[in-house]
Amino acid sequence: DPDNLPEAERIRLNRDAEIADQPDEIAVDIRK
């Protein structure tokens, strides 16, 4: 659940997802 991440981590993850900044791309983050 992304809401359970610290806010700084959510911001970093969103920054990674916005690298392409294209509406036809969707990020995936499967963690240990």
PDB file of all heavy atoms in Angstrom:
ATOM      1  N   ASP A   1       0.846  -1.186   0.000  1.00  0.00           N
ATOM      2  CA  ASP A   1       0.000   0.000   0.000  1.00  0.00           C
ATOM      3  C   ASP A   1       0.887   1.243   0.000  1.00  0.00           C
ATOM      4  O   ASP A   1       1.610   1.494   0.980  1.00  0.00           O
ATOM      5  CB  ASP A   1      -0.899   0.006   1.234  1.00  0.00           C
ATOM      6  CG  ASP A   1      -1.947   1.112   1.189  1.00  0.00           C
ATOM      7  OD1 ASP A   1      -1.838   1.998   0.317  1.00  0.00           O
ATOM      8  OD2 ASP A   1      -2.874   1.087   2.027  1.00  0.00           O
ATOM      9  N   PRO A   2       0.877   2.053  -1.055  1.00  0.00           N
ATOM     10  CA  PRO A   2       1.765   3.216  -1.105  1.00  0.00           C
ATOM     11  C   PRO A   2       1.517   4.218   0.023  1.00  0.00           C
ATOM     12  O   PRO A   2       2.440   4.949   0.409  1.00  0.00           O
ATOM     13  CB  PRO A   2       1.454   3.847  -2.474  1.00  0.00           C
ATOM     14  CG  PRO A   2       0.843   2.754  -3.272  1.00  0.00           C
ATOM     15  CD  PRO A   2       0.102   1.896  -2.299  1.00  0.00           C
ATOM     16  N   ASP A   3       0.302   4.259   0.553  1.00  0.00           N
ATOM     17  CA  ASP A   3       0.015   5.202   1.629  1.00  0.00           C
ATOM     18  C   ASP A   3       0.797   4.885   2.897  1.00  0.00           C
ATOM     19  O   ASP A   3       0.938   5.754   3.773  1.00  0.00           O
ATOM     20  CB  ASP A   3      -1.484   5.215   1.943  1.00  0.00           C
ATOM     21  CG  ASP A   3      -2.289   5.874   0.837  1.00  0.00           C
ATOM     22  OD1 ASP A   3      -1.691   6.622   0.040  1.00  0.00           O
ATOM     23  OD2 ASP A   3      -3.511   5.622   0.755  1.00  0.00           O
ATOM     24  N   ASN A   4       1.305   3.663   3.015  1.00  0.00           N
ATOM     25  CA  ASN A   4       2.064   3.283   4.207  1.00  0.00           C
ATOM     26  C   ASN A   4       3.531   3.686   4.119  1.00  0.00           C
ATOM     27  O   ASN A   4       4.266   3.534   5.093  1.00  0.00           O
ATOM     28  CB  ASN A   4       1.963   1.774   4.438  1.00  0.00           C
ATOM     29  CG  ASN A   4       0.554   1.345   4.805  1.00  0.00           C
ATOM     30  OD1 ASN A   4      -0.222   2.126   5.364  1.00  0.00           O
ATOM     31  ND2 ASN A   4       0.193   0.107   4.489  1.00  0.00           N
ATOM     32  N   LEU A   5       3.971   4.191   2.968  1.00  0.00           N
ATOM     33  CA  LEU A   5       5.349   4.648   2.823  1.00  0.00           C
ATOM     34  C   LEU A   5       5.529   6.013   3.476  1.00  0.00           C
ATOM     35  O   LEU A   5       4.591   6.826   3.524  1.00  0.00           O
ATOM     36  CB  LEU A   5       5.732   4.756   1.342  1.00  0.00           C
ATOM     37  CG  LEU A   5       5.850   3.471   0.526  1.00  0.00           C
ATOM     38  CD1 LEU A   5       6.167   3.820  -0.918  1.00  0.00           C
ATOM     39  CD2 LEU A   5       6.900   2.542   1.098  1.00  0.00           C
ATOM     40  N   PRO A   6       6.726   6.307   3.976  1.00  0.00           N
ATOM     41  CA  PRO A   6       7.008   7.678   4.434  1.00  0.00           C
ATOM     42  C   PRO A   6       6.819   8.661   3.284  1.00  0.00           C
ATOM     43  O   PRO A   6       7.028   8.324   2.116  1.00  0.00           O
ATOM     44  CB  PRO A   6       8.468   7.609   4.880  1.00  0.00           C
ATOM     45  CG  PRO A   6       8.730   6.157   5.131  1.00  0.00           C
ATOM     46  CD  PRO A   6       7.865   5.402   4.169  1.00  0.00           C
ATOM     47  N   GLU A   7       6.425   9.864   3.624  1.00  0.00           N
ATOM     48  CA  GLU A   7       6.131  10.841   2.570  1.00  0.00           C
ATOM     49  C   GLU A   7       7.333  11.110   1.685  1.00  0.00           C
ATOM     50  O   GLU A   7       7.205  11.239   0.458  1.00  0.00           O
ATOM     51  CB  GLU A   7       5.630  12.148   3.192  1.00  0.00           C
ATOM     52  CG  GLU A   7       5.187  13.157   2.135  1.00  0.00           C
ATOM     53  CD  GLU A   7       4.425  14.307   2.737  1.00  0.00           C
ATOM     54  OE1 GLU A   7       5.014  15.051   3.535  1.00  0.00           O
ATOM     55  OE2 GLU A   7       3.231  14.459   2.397  1.00  0.00           O
ATOM     56  N   ALA A   8       8.528  11.171   2.271  1.00  0.00           N
ATOM     57  CA  ALA A   8       9.724  11.407   1.461  1.00  0.00           C
ATOM     58  C   ALA A   8       9.925  10.293   0.451  1.00  0.00           C
ATOM     59  O   ALA A   8      10.364  10.532  -0.687  1.00  0.00           O
ATOM     60  CB  ALA A   8      10.944  11.530   2.371  1.00  0.00           C
ATOM     61  N   GLU A   9       9.579   9.062   0.837  1.00  0.00           N
ATOM     62  CA  GLU A   9       9.707   7.938  -0.077  1.00  0.00           C
ATOM     63  C   GLU A   9       8.672   8.015  -1.197  1.00  0.00           C
ATOM     64  O   GLU A   9       8.962   7.673  -2.354  1.00  0.00           O
ATOM     65  CB  GLU A   9       9.575   6.631   0.699  1.00  0.00           C
ATOM     66  CG  GLU A   9       9.755   5.375  -0.132  1.00  0.00           C
ATOM     67  CD  GLU A   9      11.177   5.211  -0.657  1.00  0.00           C
ATOM     68  OE1 GLU A   9      12.079   5.934  -0.185  1.00  0.00           O
ATOM     69  OE2 GLU A   9      11.373   4.367  -1.542  1.00  0.00           O
ATOM     70  N   ARG A  10       7.460   8.464  -0.871  1.00  0.00           N
ATOM     71  CA  ARG A  10       6.437   8.616  -1.913  1.00  0.00           C
ATOM     72  C   ARG A  10       6.845   9.693  -2.912  1.00  0.00           C
ATOM     73  O   ARG A  10       6.619   9.558  -4.124  1.00  0.00           O
ATOM     74  CB  ARG A  10       5.082   8.958  -1.284  1.00  0.00           C
ATOM     75  CG  ARG A  10       4.489   7.841  -0.450  1.00  0.00           C
ATOM     76  CD  ARG A  10       3.002   8.037  -0.223  1.00  0.00           C
ATOM     77  NE  ARG A  10       2.689   9.278   0.459  1.00  0.00           N
ATOM     78  CZ  ARG A  10       2.638   9.423   1.775  1.00  0.00           C
ATOM     79  NH1 ARG A  10       2.907   8.384   2.560  1.00  0.00           N
ATOM     80  NH2 ARG A  10       2.333  10.583   2.322  1.00  0.00           N
ATOM     81  N   ILE A  11       7.447  10.766  -2.415  1.00  0.00           N
ATOM     82  CA  ILE A  11       7.906  11.833  -3.309  1.00  0.00           C
ATOM     83  C   ILE A  11       9.013  11.314  -4.229  1.00  0.00           C
ATOM     84  O   ILE A  11       9.033  11.594  -5.432  1.00  0.00           O
ATOM     85  CB  ILE A  11       8.392  13.050  -2.493  1.00  0.00           C
ATOM     86  CG1 ILE A  11       7.213  13.690  -1.754  1.00  0.00           C
ATOM     87  CG2 ILE A  11       9.069  14.073  -3.398  1.00  0.00           C
ATOM     88  CD1 ILE A  11       7.606  14.807  -0.813  1.00  0.00           C
ATOM     89  N   ARG A  12       9.960  10.540  -3.679  1.00  0.00           N
ATOM     90  CA  ARG A  12      11.035   9.994  -4.494  1.00  0.00           C
ATOM     91  C   ARG A  12      10.494   9.030  -5.540  1.00  0.00           C
ATOM     92  O   ARG A  12      10.906   9.050  -6.707  1.00  0.00           O
ATOM     93  CB  ARG A  12      12.042   9.270  -3.600  1.00  0.00           C
ATOM     94  CG  ARG A  12      13.287   8.788  -4.366  1.00  0.00           C
ATOM     95  CD  ARG A  12      14.058   7.770  -3.564  1.00  0.00           C
ATOM     96  NE  ARG A  12      13.296   6.543  -3.368  1.00  0.00           N
ATOM     97  CZ  ARG A  12      13.162   5.599  -4.299  1.00  0.00           C
ATOM     98  NH1 ARG A  12      13.706   5.748  -5.500  1.00  0.00           N
ATOM     99  NH2 ARG A  12      12.460   4.510  -4.046  1.00  0.00           N
ATOM    100  N   LEU A  13       9.536   8.187  -5.133  1.00  0.00           N
ATOM    101  CA  LEU A  13       8.947   7.225  -6.069  1.00  0.00           C
ATOM    102  C   LEU A  13       8.182   7.946  -7.171  1.00  0.00           C
ATOM    103  O   LEU A  13       8.241   7.545  -8.343  1.00  0.00           O
ATOM    104  CB  LEU A  13       8.013   6.275  -5.308  1.00  0.00           C
ATOM    105  CG  LEU A  13       7.418   5.105  -6.094  1.00  0.00           C
ATOM    106  CD1 LEU A  13       8.521   4.234  -6.677  1.00  0.00           C
ATOM    107  CD2 LEU A  13       6.514   4.278  -5.195  1.00  0.00           C
ATOM    108  N   ASN A  14       7.510   9.022  -6.832  1.00  0.00           N
ATOM    109  CA  ASN A  14       6.787   9.791  -7.849  1.00  0.00           C
ATOM    110  C   ASN A  14       7.765  10.470  -8.805  1.00  0.00           C
ATOM    111  O   ASN A  14       7.504  10.554 -10.012  1.00  0.00           O
ATOM    112  CB  ASN A  14       5.909  10.837  -7.182  1.00  0.00           C
ATOM    113  CG  ASN A  14       5.030  11.575  -8.175  1.00  0.00           C
ATOM    114  OD1 ASN A  14       4.049  11.055  -8.677  1.00  0.00           O
ATOM    115  ND2 ASN A  14       5.385  12.824  -8.461  1.00  0.00           N
ATOM    116  N   ARG A  15       8.897  10.916  -8.268  1.00  0.00           N
ATOM    117  CA  ARG A  15       9.901  11.544  -9.127  1.00  0.00           C
ATOM    118  C   ARG A  15      10.445  10.534 -10.131  1.00  0.00           C
ATOM    119  O   ARG A  15      10.657  10.852 -11.303  1.00  0.00           O
ATOM    120  CB  ARG A  15      11.028  12.111  -8.264  1.00  0.00           C
ATOM    121  CG  ARG A  15      12.020  12.988  -9.052  1.00  0.00           C
ATOM    122  CD  ARG A  15      13.120  13.522  -8.156  1.00  0.00           C
ATOM    123  NE  ARG A  15      12.568  14.304  -7.063  1.00  0.00           N
ATOM    124  CZ  ARG A  15      12.664  13.959  -5.772  1.00  0.00           C
ATOM    125  NH1 ARG A  15      13.277  12.846  -5.432  1.00  0.00           N
ATOM    126  NH2 ARG A  15      12.154  14.730  -4.830  1.00  0.00           N
ATOM    127  N   ASP A  16      10.662   9.306  -9.685  1.00  0.00           N
ATOM    128  CA  ASP A  16      11.126   8.259 -10.604  1.00  0.00           C
ATOM    129  C   ASP A  16      10.084   7.975 -11.677  1.00  0.00           C
ATOM    130  O   ASP A  16      10.410   7.757 -12.847  1.00  0.00           O
ATOM    131  CB  ASP A  16      11.427   6.976  -9.831  1.00  0.00           C
ATOM    132  CG  ASP A  16      12.649   7.106  -8.933  1.00  0.00           C
ATOM    133  OD1 ASP A  16      13.415   8.077  -9.106  1.00  0.00           O
ATOM    134  OD2 ASP A  16      12.816   6.253  -8.042  1.00  0.00           O
ATOM    135  N   ALA A  17       8.807   7.970 -11.273  1.00  0.00           N
ATOM    136  CA  ALA A  17       7.733   7.680 -12.228  1.00  0.00           C
ATOM    137  C   ALA A  17       7.539   8.802 -13.227  1.00  0.00           C
ATOM    138  O   ALA A  17       7.009   8.575 -14.319  1.00  0.00           O
ATOM    139  CB  ALA A  17       6.431   7.418 -11.474  1.00  0.00           C
ATOM    140  N   GLU A  18       7.960  10.015 -12.871  1.00  0.00           N
ATOM    141  CA  GLU A  18       7.764  11.168 -13.755  1.00  0.00           C
ATOM    142  C   GLU A  18       8.935  11.410 -14.682  1.00  0.00           C
ATOM    143  O   GLU A  18       8.953  12.409 -15.402  1.00  0.00           O
ATOM    144  CB  GLU A  18       7.503  12.428 -12.924  1.00  0.00           C
ATOM    145  CG  GLU A  18       6.099  12.485 -12.318  1.00  0.00           C
ATOM    146  CD  GLU A  18       5.848  13.794 -11.610  1.00  0.00           C
ATOM    147  OE1 GLU A  18       6.824  14.407 -11.123  1.00  0.00           O
ATOM    148  OE2 GLU A  18       4.678  14.215 -11.549  1.00  0.00           O
ATOM    149  N   ILE A  19       9.926  10.510 -14.683  1.00  0.00           N
ATOM    150  CA  ILE A  19      11.078  10.710 -15.558  1.00  0.00           C
ATOM    151  C   ILE A  19      10.640  10.775 -17.014  1.00  0.00           C
ATOM    152  O   ILE A  19      11.035  11.648 -17.777  1.00  0.00           O
ATOM    153  CB  ILE A  19      12.111   9.575 -15.347  1.00  0.00           C
ATOM    154  CG1 ILE A  19      12.747   9.715 -13.960  1.00  0.00           C
ATOM    155  CG2 ILE A  19      13.177   9.622 -16.430  1.00  0.00           C
ATOM    156  CD1 ILE A  19      13.731   8.612 -13.636  1.00  0.00           C
ATOM    157  N   ALA A  20       9.810   9.829 -17.413  1.00  0.00           N
ATOM    158  CA  ALA A  20       9.288   9.845 -18.796  1.00  0.00           C
ATOM    159  C   ALA A  20       8.161  10.854 -18.932  1.00  0.00           C
ATOM    160  O   ALA A  20       8.026  11.511 -19.959  1.00  0.00           O
ATOM    161  CB  ALA A  20       8.797   8.466 -19.198  1.00  0.00           C
ATOM    162  N   ASP A  21       7.338  10.983 -17.889  1.00  0.00           N
ATOM    163  CA  ASP A  21       6.222  11.925 -17.875  1.00  0.00           C
ATOM    164  C   ASP A  21       5.325  11.747 -19.106  1.00  0.00           C
ATOM    165  O   ASP A  21       4.951  12.703 -19.778  1.00  0.00           O
ATOM    166  CB  ASP A  21       6.725  13.369 -17.796  1.00  0.00           C
ATOM    167  CG  ASP A  21       5.601  14.352 -17.416  1.00  0.00           C
ATOM    168  OD1 ASP A  21       4.630  13.899 -16.785  1.00  0.00           O
ATOM    169  OD2 ASP A  21       5.718  15.536 -17.753  1.00  0.00           O
ATOM    170  N   GLN A  22       4.990  10.494 -19.413  1.00  0.00           N
ATOM    171  CA  GLN A  22       4.132  10.192 -20.546  1.00  0.00           C
ATOM    172  C   GLN A  22       2.873   9.489 -20.045  1.00  0.00           C
ATOM    173  O   GLN A  22       2.961   8.589 -19.201  1.00  0.00           O
ATOM    174  CB  GLN A  22       4.859   9.291 -21.554  1.00  0.00           C
ATOM    175  CG  GLN A  22       6.090   9.918 -22.182  1.00  0.00           C
ATOM    176  CD  GLN A  22       5.743  11.094 -23.067  1.00  0.00           C
ATOM    177  OE1 GLN A  22       4.682  11.121 -23.684  1.00  0.00           O
ATOM    178  NE2 GLN A  22       6.639  12.061 -23.146  1.00  0.00           N
ATOM    179  N   PRO A  23       1.692   9.876 -20.550  1.00  0.00           N
ATOM    180  CA  PRO A  23       0.446   9.232 -20.090  1.00  0.00           C
ATOM    181  C   PRO A  23       0.293   7.794 -20.542  1.00  0.00           C
ATOM    182  O   PRO A  23      -0.596   7.091 -20.072  1.00  0.00           O
ATOM    183  CB  PRO A  23      -0.649  10.111 -20.708  1.00  0.00           C
ATOM    184  CG  PRO A  23      -0.008  10.736 -21.912  1.00  0.00           C
ATOM    185  CD  PRO A  23       1.430  10.933 -21.535  1.00  0.00           C
ATOM    186  N   ASP A  24       1.171   7.338 -21.464  1.00  0.00           N
ATOM    187  CA  ASP A  24       1.083   5.953 -21.929  1.00  0.00           C
ATOM    188  C   ASP A  24       2.068   5.052 -21.199  1.00  0.00           C
ATOM    189  O   ASP A  24       2.316   3.921 -21.636  1.00  0.00           O
ATOM    190  CB  ASP A  24       1.337   5.889 -23.438  1.00  0.00           C
ATOM    191  CG  ASP A  24       2.721   6.399 -23.816  1.00  0.00           C
ATOM    192  OD1 ASP A  24       3.147   7.414 -23.227  1.00  0.00           O
ATOM    193  OD2 ASP A  24       3.378   5.811 -24.685  1.00  0.00           O
ATOM    194  N   GLU A  25       2.636   5.521 -20.093  1.00  0.00           N
ATOM    195  CA  GLU A  25       3.557   4.715 -19.308  1.00  0.00           C
ATOM    196  C   GLU A  25       3.045   4.600 -17.876  1.00  0.00           C
ATOM    197  O   GLU A  25       2.492   5.554 -17.327  1.00  0.00           O
ATOM    198  CB  GLU A  25       4.962   5.318 -19.314  1.00  0.00           C
ATOM    199  CG  GLU A  25       5.601   5.323 -20.701  1.00  0.00           C
ATOM    200  CD  GLU A  25       7.084   5.633 -20.645  1.00  0.00           C
ATOM    201  OE1 GLU A  25       7.610   5.825 -19.533  1.00  0.00           O
ATOM    202  OE2 GLU A  25       7.717   5.674 -21.713  1.00  0.00           O
ATOM    203  N   ILE A  26       3.226   3.433 -17.284  1.00  0.00           N
ATOM    204  CA  ILE A  26       2.805   3.213 -15.910  1.00  0.00           C
ATOM    205  C   ILE A  26       3.950   2.538 -15.160  1.00  0.00           C
ATOM    206  O   ILE A  26       4.559   1.583 -15.645  1.00  0.00           O
ATOM    207  CB  ILE A  26       1.516   2.371 -15.839  1.00  0.00           C
ATOM    208  CG1 ILE A  26       1.051   2.229 -14.389  1.00  0.00           C
ATOM    209  CG2 ILE A  26       1.675   1.021 -16.505  1.00  0.00           C
ATOM    210  CD1 ILE A  26      -0.365   1.707 -14.264  1.00  0.00           C
ATOM    211  N   ALA A  27       4.253   3.079 -13.988  1.00  0.00           N
ATOM    212  CA  ALA A  27       5.388   2.610 -13.202  1.00  0.00           C
ATOM    213  C   ALA A  27       5.024   1.339 -12.424  1.00  0.00           C
ATOM    214  O   ALA A  27       3.871   1.126 -12.056  1.00  0.00           O
ATOM    215  CB  ALA A  27       5.854   3.705 -12.252  1.00  0.00           C
ATOM    216  N   VAL A  28       6.042   0.534 -12.167  1.00  0.00           N
ATOM    217  CA  VAL A  28       5.900  -0.696 -11.391  1.00  0.00           C
ATOM    218  C   VAL A  28       6.988  -0.697 -10.319  1.00  0.00           C
ATOM    219  O   VAL A  28       8.162  -0.414 -10.614  1.00  0.00           O
ATOM    220  CB  VAL A  28       6.038  -1.954 -12.275  1.00  0.00           C
ATOM    221  CG1 VAL A  28       5.841  -3.214 -11.448  1.00  0.00           C
ATOM    222  CG2 VAL A  28       5.040  -1.913 -13.422  1.00  0.00           C
ATOM    223  N   ASP A  29       6.609  -1.020  -9.086  1.00  0.00           N
ATOM    224  CA  ASP A  29       7.576  -1.099  -8.000  1.00  0.00           C
ATOM    225  C   ASP A  29       7.213  -2.280  -7.103  1.00  0.00           C
ATOM    226  O   ASP A  29       6.372  -2.163  -6.217  1.00  0.00           O
ATOM    227  CB  ASP A  29       7.595   0.208  -7.198  1.00  0.00           C
ATOM    228  CG  ASP A  29       8.703   0.222  -6.149  1.00  0.00           C
ATOM    229  OD1 ASP A  29       9.842  -0.128  -6.497  1.00  0.00           O
ATOM    230  OD2 ASP A  29       8.417   0.575  -4.981  1.00  0.00           O
ATOM    231  N   ILE A  30       7.812  -3.425  -7.368  1.00  0.00           N
ATOM    232  CA  ILE A  30       7.602  -4.635  -6.573  1.00  0.00           C
ATOM    233  C   ILE A  30       8.808  -4.788  -5.649  1.00  0.00           C
ATOM    234  O   ILE A  30       9.939  -4.972  -6.116  1.00  0.00           O
ATOM    235  CB  ILE A  30       7.438  -5.885  -7.476  1.00  0.00           C
ATOM    236  CG1 ILE A  30       6.288  -5.673  -8.462  1.00  0.00           C
ATOM    237  CG2 ILE A  30       7.207  -7.120  -6.631  1.00  0.00           C
ATOM    238  CD1 ILE A  30       4.942  -5.418  -7.828  1.00  0.00           C
ATOM    239  N   ARG A  31       8.563  -4.712  -4.337  1.00  0.00           N
ATOM    240  CA  ARG A  31       9.660  -4.658  -3.371  1.00  0.00           C
ATOM    241  C   ARG A  31       9.780  -5.942  -2.572  1.00  0.00           C
ATOM    242  O   ARG A  31       8.829  -6.697  -2.413  1.00  0.00           O
ATOM    243  CB  ARG A  31       9.433  -3.489  -2.406  1.00  0.00           C
ATOM    244  CG  ARG A  31       9.394  -2.133  -3.088  1.00  0.00           C
ATOM    245  CD  ARG A  31       9.409  -1.017  -2.078  1.00  0.00           C
ATOM    246  NE  ARG A  31       9.500   0.288  -2.737  1.00  0.00           N
ATOM    247  CZ  ARG A  31       9.719   1.433  -2.097  1.00  0.00           C
ATOM    248  NH1 ARG A  31       9.834   1.427  -0.761  1.00  0.00           N
ATOM    249  NH2 ARG A  31       9.799   2.570  -2.748  1.00  0.00           N
ATOM    250  N   LYS A  32      10.990  -6.125  -2.069  1.00  0.00           N
ATOM    251  CA  LYS A  32      11.239  -7.241  -1.156  1.00  0.00           C
ATOM    252  C   LYS A  32      10.438  -7.036   0.127  1.00  0.00           C
ATOM    253  O   LYS A  32       9.962  -5.936   0.416  1.00  0.00           O
ATOM    254  CB  LYS A  32      12.726  -7.333  -0.835  1.00  0.00           C
ATOM    255  CG  LYS A  32      13.611  -7.637  -2.034  1.00  0.00           C
ATOM    256  CD  LYS A  32      15.073  -7.700  -1.623  1.00  0.00           C
ATOM    257  CE  LYS A  32      15.958  -8.017  -2.821  1.00  0.00           C
ATOM    258  NZ  LYS A  32      17.397  -8.065  -2.437  1.00  0.00           N
TER     259      LYS A  32
END
